[in-house]
Protein backbone atom coordinates (compact mmCIF):
# COMPACT_ATOMS: atom_id res chain seq x y z
CA UNK A 1 -8.93 -13.76 23.65
CA UNK A 2 -10.82 -12.58 20.57
CA UNK A 3 -13.09 -14.46 18.23
CA UNK A 4 -15.05 -12.06 16.02
CA UNK A 5 -12.67 -9.54 14.39
CA UNK A 6 -13.65 -6.68 12.09
CA UNK A 7 -11.00 -5.33 9.74
CA UNK A 8 -12.12 -1.83 8.75
CA UNK A 9 -10.93 0.10 5.70
CA UNK A 10 -12.30 3.37 4.39
CA UNK A 11 -12.23 2.44 0.70
CA UNK A 12 -12.33 -0.66 -1.48
CA UNK A 13 -9.76 -0.21 -4.20
CA UNK A 14 -6.64 -1.98 -5.43
CA UNK A 15 -4.02 -0.40 -3.18
CA UNK A 16 -1.52 -1.67 -0.62
CA UNK A 17 -3.61 -1.34 2.55
CA UNK A 18 -6.45 -3.30 0.99
CA UNK A 19 -4.13 -6.08 -0.12
CA UNK A 20 -2.64 -6.31 3.36
CA UNK A 21 -6.11 -6.45 4.93
CA UNK A 22 -7.28 -9.22 2.60
CA UNK A 23 -4.26 -11.32 3.51
CA UNK A 24 -4.89 -10.61 7.19
CA UNK A 25 -8.44 -11.91 6.75
CA UNK A 26 -7.25 -15.17 5.20
CA UNK A 27 -4.57 -15.86 7.79
CA UNK A 28 -6.76 -14.94 10.75
CA UNK A 29 -9.36 -17.33 9.45
CA UNK A 30 -6.71 -20.06 9.15
CA UNK A 31 -5.91 -19.51 12.83
CA UNK A 32 -9.52 -20.09 13.85
CA UNK A 33 -10.75 -16.51 14.24
CA UNK A 34 -13.96 -15.20 12.65
CA UNK A 35 -12.78 -12.17 10.67
CA UNK A 36 -14.83 -9.91 8.43
CA UNK A 37 -13.68 -7.14 6.13
CA UNK A 38 -15.69 -3.91 6.20
CA UNK A 39 -15.11 -1.39 3.41
CA UNK A 40 -16.90 1.85 4.16
CA UNK A 41 -17.03 2.89 0.52
CA UNK A 42 -16.47 1.16 -2.80
CA UNK A 43 -14.21 3.01 -5.22
CA UNK A 44 -14.28 2.87 -9.01
CA UNK A 45 -11.09 0.81 -9.38
CA UNK A 46 -11.25 -2.65 -10.88
CA UNK A 47 -8.98 -5.63 -10.45
CA UNK A 48 -9.85 -6.66 -6.90
CA UNK A 49 -12.53 -9.23 -7.75
CA UNK A 50 -10.19 -12.24 -7.64
CA UNK A 51 -8.66 -11.07 -4.37
CA UNK A 52 -12.05 -11.12 -2.68
CA UNK A 53 -13.08 -14.61 -3.70
CA UNK A 54 -14.14 -16.62 -0.62
CA UNK A 55 -13.73 -13.52 1.57
CA UNK A 56 -16.46 -12.48 4.00
CA UNK A 57 -16.77 -8.75 3.40
CA UNK A 58 -19.31 -5.97 3.16
CA UNK A 59 -19.39 -2.54 1.56
CA UNK A 60 -21.38 0.12 3.40
CA UNK A 61 -21.89 2.46 0.46
CA UNK A 62 -21.35 2.26 -3.29
CA UNK A 63 -19.62 5.42 -4.52
CA UNK A 64 -20.10 8.95 -3.22
CA UNK A 65 -22.77 10.28 -0.88
CA UNK A 66 -24.59 13.55 -0.33
CA UNK A 67 -21.83 14.92 1.91
CA UNK A 68 -18.94 13.83 -0.33
CA UNK A 69 -18.34 17.23 -2.03
CA UNK A 70 -18.13 18.94 1.37
CA UNK A 71 -15.90 16.25 2.88
CA UNK A 72 -13.73 16.23 -0.25
CA UNK A 73 -13.12 19.97 0.14
CA UNK A 74 -11.73 19.30 3.61
CA UNK A 75 -9.72 16.27 2.46
CA UNK A 76 -8.19 18.32 -0.36
CA UNK A 77 -6.52 20.59 2.18
CA UNK A 78 -4.40 17.64 3.33
CA UNK A 79 -4.03 15.58 0.13
CA UNK A 80 -3.79 18.03 -2.74
CA UNK A 81 -2.49 15.56 -5.30
CA UNK A 82 -5.35 13.06 -4.88
CA UNK A 83 -8.83 13.00 -6.37
CA UNK A 84 -12.29 12.59 -4.91
CA UNK A 85 -11.67 8.85 -4.53
CA UNK A 86 -9.50 9.71 -1.50
CA UNK A 87 -12.24 11.60 0.36
CA UNK A 88 -12.35 10.93 4.10
CA UNK A 89 -16.01 9.96 4.56
CA UNK A 90 -16.69 11.08 8.13
CA UNK A 91 -20.37 10.19 7.72
CA UNK A 92 -19.41 6.55 7.09
CA UNK A 93 -16.65 6.46 9.71
CA UNK A 94 -19.18 7.42 12.37
CA UNK A 95 -21.20 4.31 11.50
CA UNK A 96 -18.40 1.95 12.59
CA UNK A 97 -19.64 1.51 16.22
CA UNK A 98 -23.10 0.36 15.13
CA UNK A 99 -21.62 -1.90 12.45
CA UNK A 100 -19.30 -3.46 15.03
CA UNK A 101 -22.14 -3.98 17.51
CA UNK A 102 -24.43 -5.46 14.85
CA UNK A 103 -21.70 -7.86 13.68
CA UNK A 104 -20.89 -8.94 17.24
CA UNK A 105 -17.27 -7.80 16.98
CA UNK A 106 -15.03 -8.12 20.01
CA UNK A 107 -11.99 -6.52 18.32
CA UNK A 108 -11.56 -4.00 15.49
CA UNK A 109 -8.46 -3.57 13.30
CA UNK A 110 -8.56 -0.11 11.73
CA UNK A 111 -6.42 0.46 8.66
CA UNK A 112 -5.29 4.09 9.00
CA UNK A 113 -5.95 6.69 11.66
CA UNK A 114 -9.12 7.98 9.97
CA UNK A 115 -10.76 4.57 10.12
CA UNK A 116 -9.41 4.62 13.68
CA UNK A 117 -11.87 7.43 14.50
CA UNK A 118 -14.61 4.82 14.14
CA UNK A 119 -12.64 2.44 16.35
CA UNK A 120 -12.28 5.13 19.03
CA UNK A 121 -16.01 5.80 19.01
CA UNK A 122 -16.77 2.06 19.21
CA UNK A 123 -14.47 1.72 22.23
CA UNK A 124 -16.03 4.69 24.02
CA UNK A 125 -19.60 3.63 23.24
CA UNK A 126 -19.40 -0.16 23.52
CA UNK A 127 -16.02 -0.94 25.07
CA UNK A 128 -14.75 -2.78 21.97
CA UNK A 129 -10.92 -2.79 21.83
CA UNK A 130 -9.28 -1.60 18.63
CA UNK A 131 -5.89 -1.25 17.01
CA UNK A 132 -4.73 1.19 14.35
CA UNK A 133 -2.44 0.25 11.47
CA UNK A 134 -0.57 3.27 10.08
CA UNK A 135 0.47 2.94 6.44
CA UNK A 136 1.95 6.35 5.66
CA UNK A 137 4.09 8.95 7.42
CA UNK A 138 2.27 11.28 9.79
CA UNK A 139 3.21 14.94 9.83
CA UNK A 140 1.86 18.09 11.40
CA UNK A 141 -0.64 19.67 9.07
CA UNK A 142 0.06 23.13 7.72
CA UNK A 143 -3.54 24.36 7.97
CA UNK A 144 -3.49 26.32 11.27
CA UNK A 145 -7.05 25.77 12.52
CA UNK A 146 -8.34 22.66 10.76
CA UNK A 147 -4.86 21.14 10.91
CA UNK A 148 -4.69 21.53 14.68
CA UNK A 149 -8.13 19.98 15.01
CA UNK A 150 -7.15 16.96 12.88
CA UNK A 151 -3.81 16.59 14.71
CA UNK A 152 -5.61 16.56 18.06
CA UNK A 153 -8.17 13.99 16.91
CA UNK A 154 -5.41 11.82 15.42
CA UNK A 155 -3.57 11.90 18.74
CA UNK A 156 -6.72 10.86 20.63
CA UNK A 157 -7.24 7.95 18.23
CA UNK A 158 -3.69 6.67 18.67
CA UNK A 159 -3.44 7.15 22.44
CA UNK A 160 -6.76 5.37 23.08
CA UNK A 161 -5.91 2.44 20.77
CA UNK A 162 -5.02 -0.84 22.45
CA UNK A 163 -2.13 -1.12 19.99
CA UNK A 164 -0.70 0.98 17.17
CA UNK A 165 1.10 -0.74 14.31
CA UNK A 166 3.25 0.81 11.60
CA UNK A 167 4.08 -0.71 8.26
CA UNK A 168 7.79 0.31 8.38
CA UNK A 169 10.34 1.66 10.85
CA UNK A 170 10.26 5.06 9.16
CA UNK A 171 6.49 5.31 9.54
CA UNK A 172 6.77 4.28 13.21
CA UNK A 173 9.38 7.01 13.78
CA UNK A 174 7.00 9.69 12.47
CA UNK A 175 4.22 8.48 14.78
CA UNK A 176 6.51 8.77 17.78
CA UNK A 177 7.94 12.14 16.77
CA UNK A 178 4.51 13.67 16.22
CA UNK A 179 2.46 12.11 19.01
CA UNK A 180 4.88 10.41 21.40
CA UNK A 181 3.12 7.11 20.69
CA UNK A 182 5.23 3.98 20.19
CA UNK A 183 4.04 2.08 17.13
CA UNK A 184 5.03 -1.56 16.70
CA UNK A 185 6.59 -2.21 13.29
CA UNK A 186 4.69 -4.98 11.53
CA UNK A 187 5.83 -5.64 7.97
CA UNK A 188 3.36 -7.32 5.60
CA UNK A 189 4.04 -10.99 4.93
CA UNK A 190 6.60 -11.74 2.24
CA UNK A 191 5.96 -15.49 1.89
CA UNK A 192 7.26 -16.89 -1.37
CA UNK A 193 4.74 -17.18 -4.22
CA UNK A 194 6.99 -17.90 -7.18
CA UNK A 195 10.49 -17.74 -8.64
CA UNK A 196 11.68 -17.57 -12.24
CA UNK A 197 15.27 -17.50 -13.43
CA UNK A 198 16.91 -14.62 -15.31
CA UNK A 199 17.02 -16.57 -18.57
CA UNK A 200 13.30 -17.36 -18.46
CA UNK A 201 12.24 -13.77 -17.98
CA UNK A 202 11.62 -11.08 -20.59
CA UNK A 203 13.29 -7.69 -20.76
CA UNK A 204 10.55 -5.97 -18.78
CA UNK A 205 10.77 -3.47 -15.97
CA UNK A 206 7.54 -3.34 -13.99
CA UNK A 207 6.06 -0.74 -11.70
CA UNK A 208 2.69 -1.15 -9.99
CA UNK A 209 0.88 1.68 -8.26
CA UNK A 210 -2.37 3.56 -7.86
CA UNK A 211 -1.19 6.39 -10.07
CA UNK A 212 -1.62 10.10 -9.41
CA UNK A 213 0.51 13.24 -9.56
CA UNK A 214 2.19 12.36 -6.26
CA UNK A 215 3.53 9.12 -7.77
CA UNK A 216 5.28 11.21 -10.49
CA UNK A 217 4.58 8.84 -13.41
CA UNK A 218 6.64 10.96 -15.77
CA UNK A 219 9.82 9.89 -13.92
CA UNK A 220 9.21 6.34 -15.09
CA UNK A 221 8.88 7.63 -18.63
CA UNK A 222 12.27 9.29 -18.27
CA UNK A 223 13.73 6.02 -17.00
CA UNK A 224 12.36 4.17 -20.02
CA UNK A 225 14.01 6.75 -22.28
CA UNK A 226 17.36 6.32 -20.54
CA UNK A 227 17.71 2.53 -20.51
CA UNK A 228 18.24 0.34 -23.56
CA UNK A 229 16.79 -3.04 -24.34
CA UNK A 230 13.92 -2.94 -21.82
CA UNK A 231 10.21 -2.28 -22.07
CA UNK A 232 8.45 -0.65 -19.17
CA UNK A 233 5.18 -1.95 -17.72
CA UNK A 234 3.18 0.67 -15.79
CA UNK A 235 0.49 -1.38 -14.09
CA UNK A 236 -2.42 -0.10 -12.04
CA UNK A 237 -5.42 2.19 -12.05
CA UNK A 238 -5.34 5.98 -11.94
CA UNK A 239 -6.83 8.06 -9.14
CA UNK A 240 -7.20 11.08 -11.43
CA UNK A 241 -8.51 10.87 -14.97
CA UNK A 242 -6.78 14.15 -15.78
CA UNK A 243 -3.40 12.80 -14.63
CA UNK A 244 -3.78 9.80 -16.92
CA UNK A 245 -4.77 11.96 -19.89
CA UNK A 246 -1.76 14.24 -19.43
CA UNK A 247 0.58 11.26 -19.12
CA UNK A 248 -0.78 9.59 -22.27
CA UNK A 249 -0.41 12.88 -24.12
CA UNK A 250 3.25 13.10 -23.03
CA UNK A 251 3.78 9.46 -23.97
CA UNK A 252 2.60 10.13 -27.50
CA UNK A 253 4.54 13.38 -27.79
CA UNK A 254 7.75 11.55 -26.76
CA UNK A 255 6.88 8.67 -29.16
CA UNK A 256 7.29 6.13 -26.38
CA UNK A 257 4.07 4.13 -26.83
CA UNK A 258 6.04 1.04 -27.90
CA UNK A 259 8.41 1.20 -24.96
CA UNK A 260 6.03 2.15 -22.13
CA UNK A 261 2.86 0.08 -21.78
CA UNK A 262 0.00 1.14 -19.54
CA UNK A 263 -1.99 -1.73 -18.07
CA UNK A 264 -5.16 -0.90 -16.12
CA UNK A 265 -7.84 -3.07 -14.59
CA UNK A 266 -5.37 -5.95 -14.35
CA UNK A 267 -6.69 -9.06 -12.64
CA UNK A 268 -4.75 -10.65 -9.80
CA UNK A 269 -3.76 -13.67 -11.89
CA UNK A 270 -2.53 -11.46 -14.73
CA UNK A 271 -0.52 -9.37 -12.27
CA UNK A 272 1.21 -12.50 -10.96
CA UNK A 273 2.13 -13.42 -14.55
CA UNK A 274 3.57 -9.95 -15.18
CA UNK A 275 5.73 -10.18 -12.06
CA UNK A 276 7.10 -13.53 -13.22
CA UNK A 277 7.85 -12.22 -16.72
CA UNK A 278 9.67 -9.09 -15.52
CA UNK A 279 13.34 -8.94 -14.66
CA UNK A 280 13.11 -6.06 -12.18
CA UNK A 281 10.47 -4.17 -10.23
CA UNK A 282 10.92 -0.40 -10.04
CA UNK A 283 9.43 2.00 -7.51
CA UNK A 284 10.39 5.59 -6.77
CA UNK A 285 9.16 7.20 -3.56
CA UNK A 286 8.78 10.88 -2.82
CA UNK A 287 8.54 11.46 0.90
CA UNK A 288 6.84 8.06 1.18
CA UNK A 289 7.79 6.15 4.28
CA UNK A 290 5.46 3.22 3.60
CA UNK A 291 6.77 0.11 1.83
CA UNK A 292 4.86 0.51 -1.48
CA UNK A 293 2.97 -2.71 -2.11
CA UNK A 294 5.04 -3.54 -5.20
CA UNK A 295 8.17 -3.98 -3.07
CA UNK A 296 6.46 -6.60 -0.88
CA UNK A 297 4.90 -8.39 -3.85
CA UNK A 298 8.16 -8.35 -5.81
CA UNK A 299 9.90 -10.04 -2.87
CA UNK A 300 7.14 -12.67 -2.82
CA UNK A 301 7.86 -13.36 -6.49
CA UNK A 302 11.64 -13.44 -5.86
CA UNK A 303 11.91 -10.43 -8.16
CA UNK A 304 14.89 -8.06 -7.60
CA UNK A 305 14.05 -4.42 -6.97
CA UNK A 306 15.20 -0.99 -8.08
CA UNK A 307 14.02 1.66 -5.60
CA UNK A 308 15.12 5.03 -4.30
CA UNK A 309 16.06 5.72 -0.71
CA UNK A 310 12.88 7.61 0.22
CA UNK A 311 10.77 4.44 0.39
CA UNK A 312 10.20 2.82 3.76
CA UNK A 313 11.54 -0.52 2.52
CA UNK A 314 14.74 0.95 1.05
CA UNK A 315 16.75 0.14 4.18
CA UNK A 316 15.50 -3.46 4.13
CA UNK A 317 16.35 -3.91 0.42
CA UNK A 318 19.81 -2.42 0.94
CA UNK A 319 20.51 -4.47 4.08
CA UNK A 320 19.58 -7.75 2.37
CA UNK A 321 21.11 -6.73 -1.00
CA UNK A 322 17.84 -7.55 -2.74
CA UNK A 323 18.38 -5.10 -5.57
CA UNK A 324 19.53 -1.53 -6.24
CA UNK A 325 18.83 1.41 -3.93
CA UNK A 326 19.52 4.81 -5.46
CA UNK A 327 19.31 8.42 -4.40
CA UNK A 328 16.69 10.39 -6.30
CA UNK A 329 16.07 8.87 -9.70
CA UNK A 330 19.68 8.47 -10.96
CA UNK A 331 18.82 7.04 -14.38
CA UNK A 332 22.49 6.57 -15.28
CA UNK A 333 23.04 4.45 -12.17
CA UNK A 334 20.07 2.28 -13.05
CA UNK A 335 21.31 1.92 -16.62
CA UNK A 336 24.75 0.82 -15.42
CA UNK A 337 23.16 -1.68 -13.01
CA UNK A 338 20.99 -3.20 -15.74
CA UNK A 339 23.83 -3.38 -18.27
CA UNK A 340 26.08 -5.20 -15.80
CA UNK A 341 23.48 -7.83 -14.91
CA UNK A 342 23.90 -11.48 -15.82
CA UNK A 343 22.56 -14.87 -14.72
CA UNK A 344 25.08 -15.29 -11.88
CA UNK A 345 24.51 -11.84 -10.37
CA UNK A 346 20.76 -12.30 -10.69
CA UNK A 347 20.91 -15.60 -8.79
CA UNK A 348 22.77 -13.86 -5.96
CA UNK A 349 20.01 -11.25 -5.74
CA UNK A 350 17.32 -13.92 -5.71
CA UNK A 351 19.10 -15.88 -2.98
CA UNK A 352 19.24 -12.70 -0.89
CA UNK A 353 15.50 -12.19 -1.44
CA UNK A 354 14.83 -15.71 -0.14
CA UNK A 355 16.28 -14.64 3.22
CA UNK A 356 13.65 -11.91 3.38
CA UNK A 357 10.91 -14.38 2.49
CA UNK A 358 11.97 -16.63 5.36
CA UNK A 359 12.11 -13.86 7.97
CA UNK A 360 8.83 -12.05 7.27
CA UNK A 361 5.66 -14.13 7.05
CA UNK A 362 1.92 -13.50 7.11
CA UNK A 363 1.64 -15.86 10.06
CA UNK A 364 3.97 -13.70 12.16
CA UNK A 365 2.16 -10.59 10.93
CA UNK A 366 -1.31 -11.67 12.08
CA UNK A 367 -0.05 -13.14 15.35
CA UNK A 368 1.31 -9.70 16.15
CA UNK A 369 -2.06 -8.14 15.30
CA UNK A 370 -3.99 -10.14 17.87
CA UNK A 371 -1.33 -9.97 20.59
CA UNK A 372 -2.66 -6.82 22.23
């Protein structure tokens, strides 16, 4: 039905949505489509270069524009814990229809409802069908006037879309509760990349994120203080320079520099190595209904997980017994879990993870995307 597919993202940085989109590009191409990635703005984060090798993509603007301070002020009302990197660039979003027409697109996949505004305009102006992929929970905004305006526009985007996808069941539930729109759950692919046995791994706990205040990095510091015999790898770039500076200051004050290692600007190949070295992946969520990219990537590396029950993938991990699911942070529960671990128990966890790898694939993911 479709041939030329544009995958549109607002920002090029090393986060979960971007990783999903890059995999979608590769698998769509394998199926004979002509996909292209369009990043409306390039962020400052590094570490994505390897991911984009042999990928047909374009960036509309490098960095901020003239309107960025104004648009950031509006964005800040809805995302108080994120920096200017998270600005919703309405000036760039409105360029999507002309980009789609120029590229000869006959279908647009929009990653998040804000990119979906461009898809809506392209459909109205040129009749190009579009889908919207929702990555995070949607809630009613507290701002009475601007919030109502954004809620109404979001509803228009979702209702007019040919298909709405959600990254987890919990995200899909919020879409339906807020807008009455049924979103199809479409987990990212979890195809196996690697597997290493318990005895061949090092005593590392790894967490990977795009760090900011909302990710509560200090909770991982507390975990490192409460477990014995493990070093903690905090991998990923920081949205806010100030957040990083405050965390490093606390790290030094607590004298934990030897136990907690910050790794920024990590290449894709180095990240794969770190996953294979680590014994467990850790991710706490705080009102996050998305999967957190580390949970998907850990499963791909047959790496058992320690997560709390607020993450969108917590139910999946608990159902398949792919690790430990806790309430809150529960450092003592994590400590007990780690202390009781041995080769046999670890093999059981890895065998359970293999069932997840077999059920969820990138092939099934992209087939769902084009079946609209």
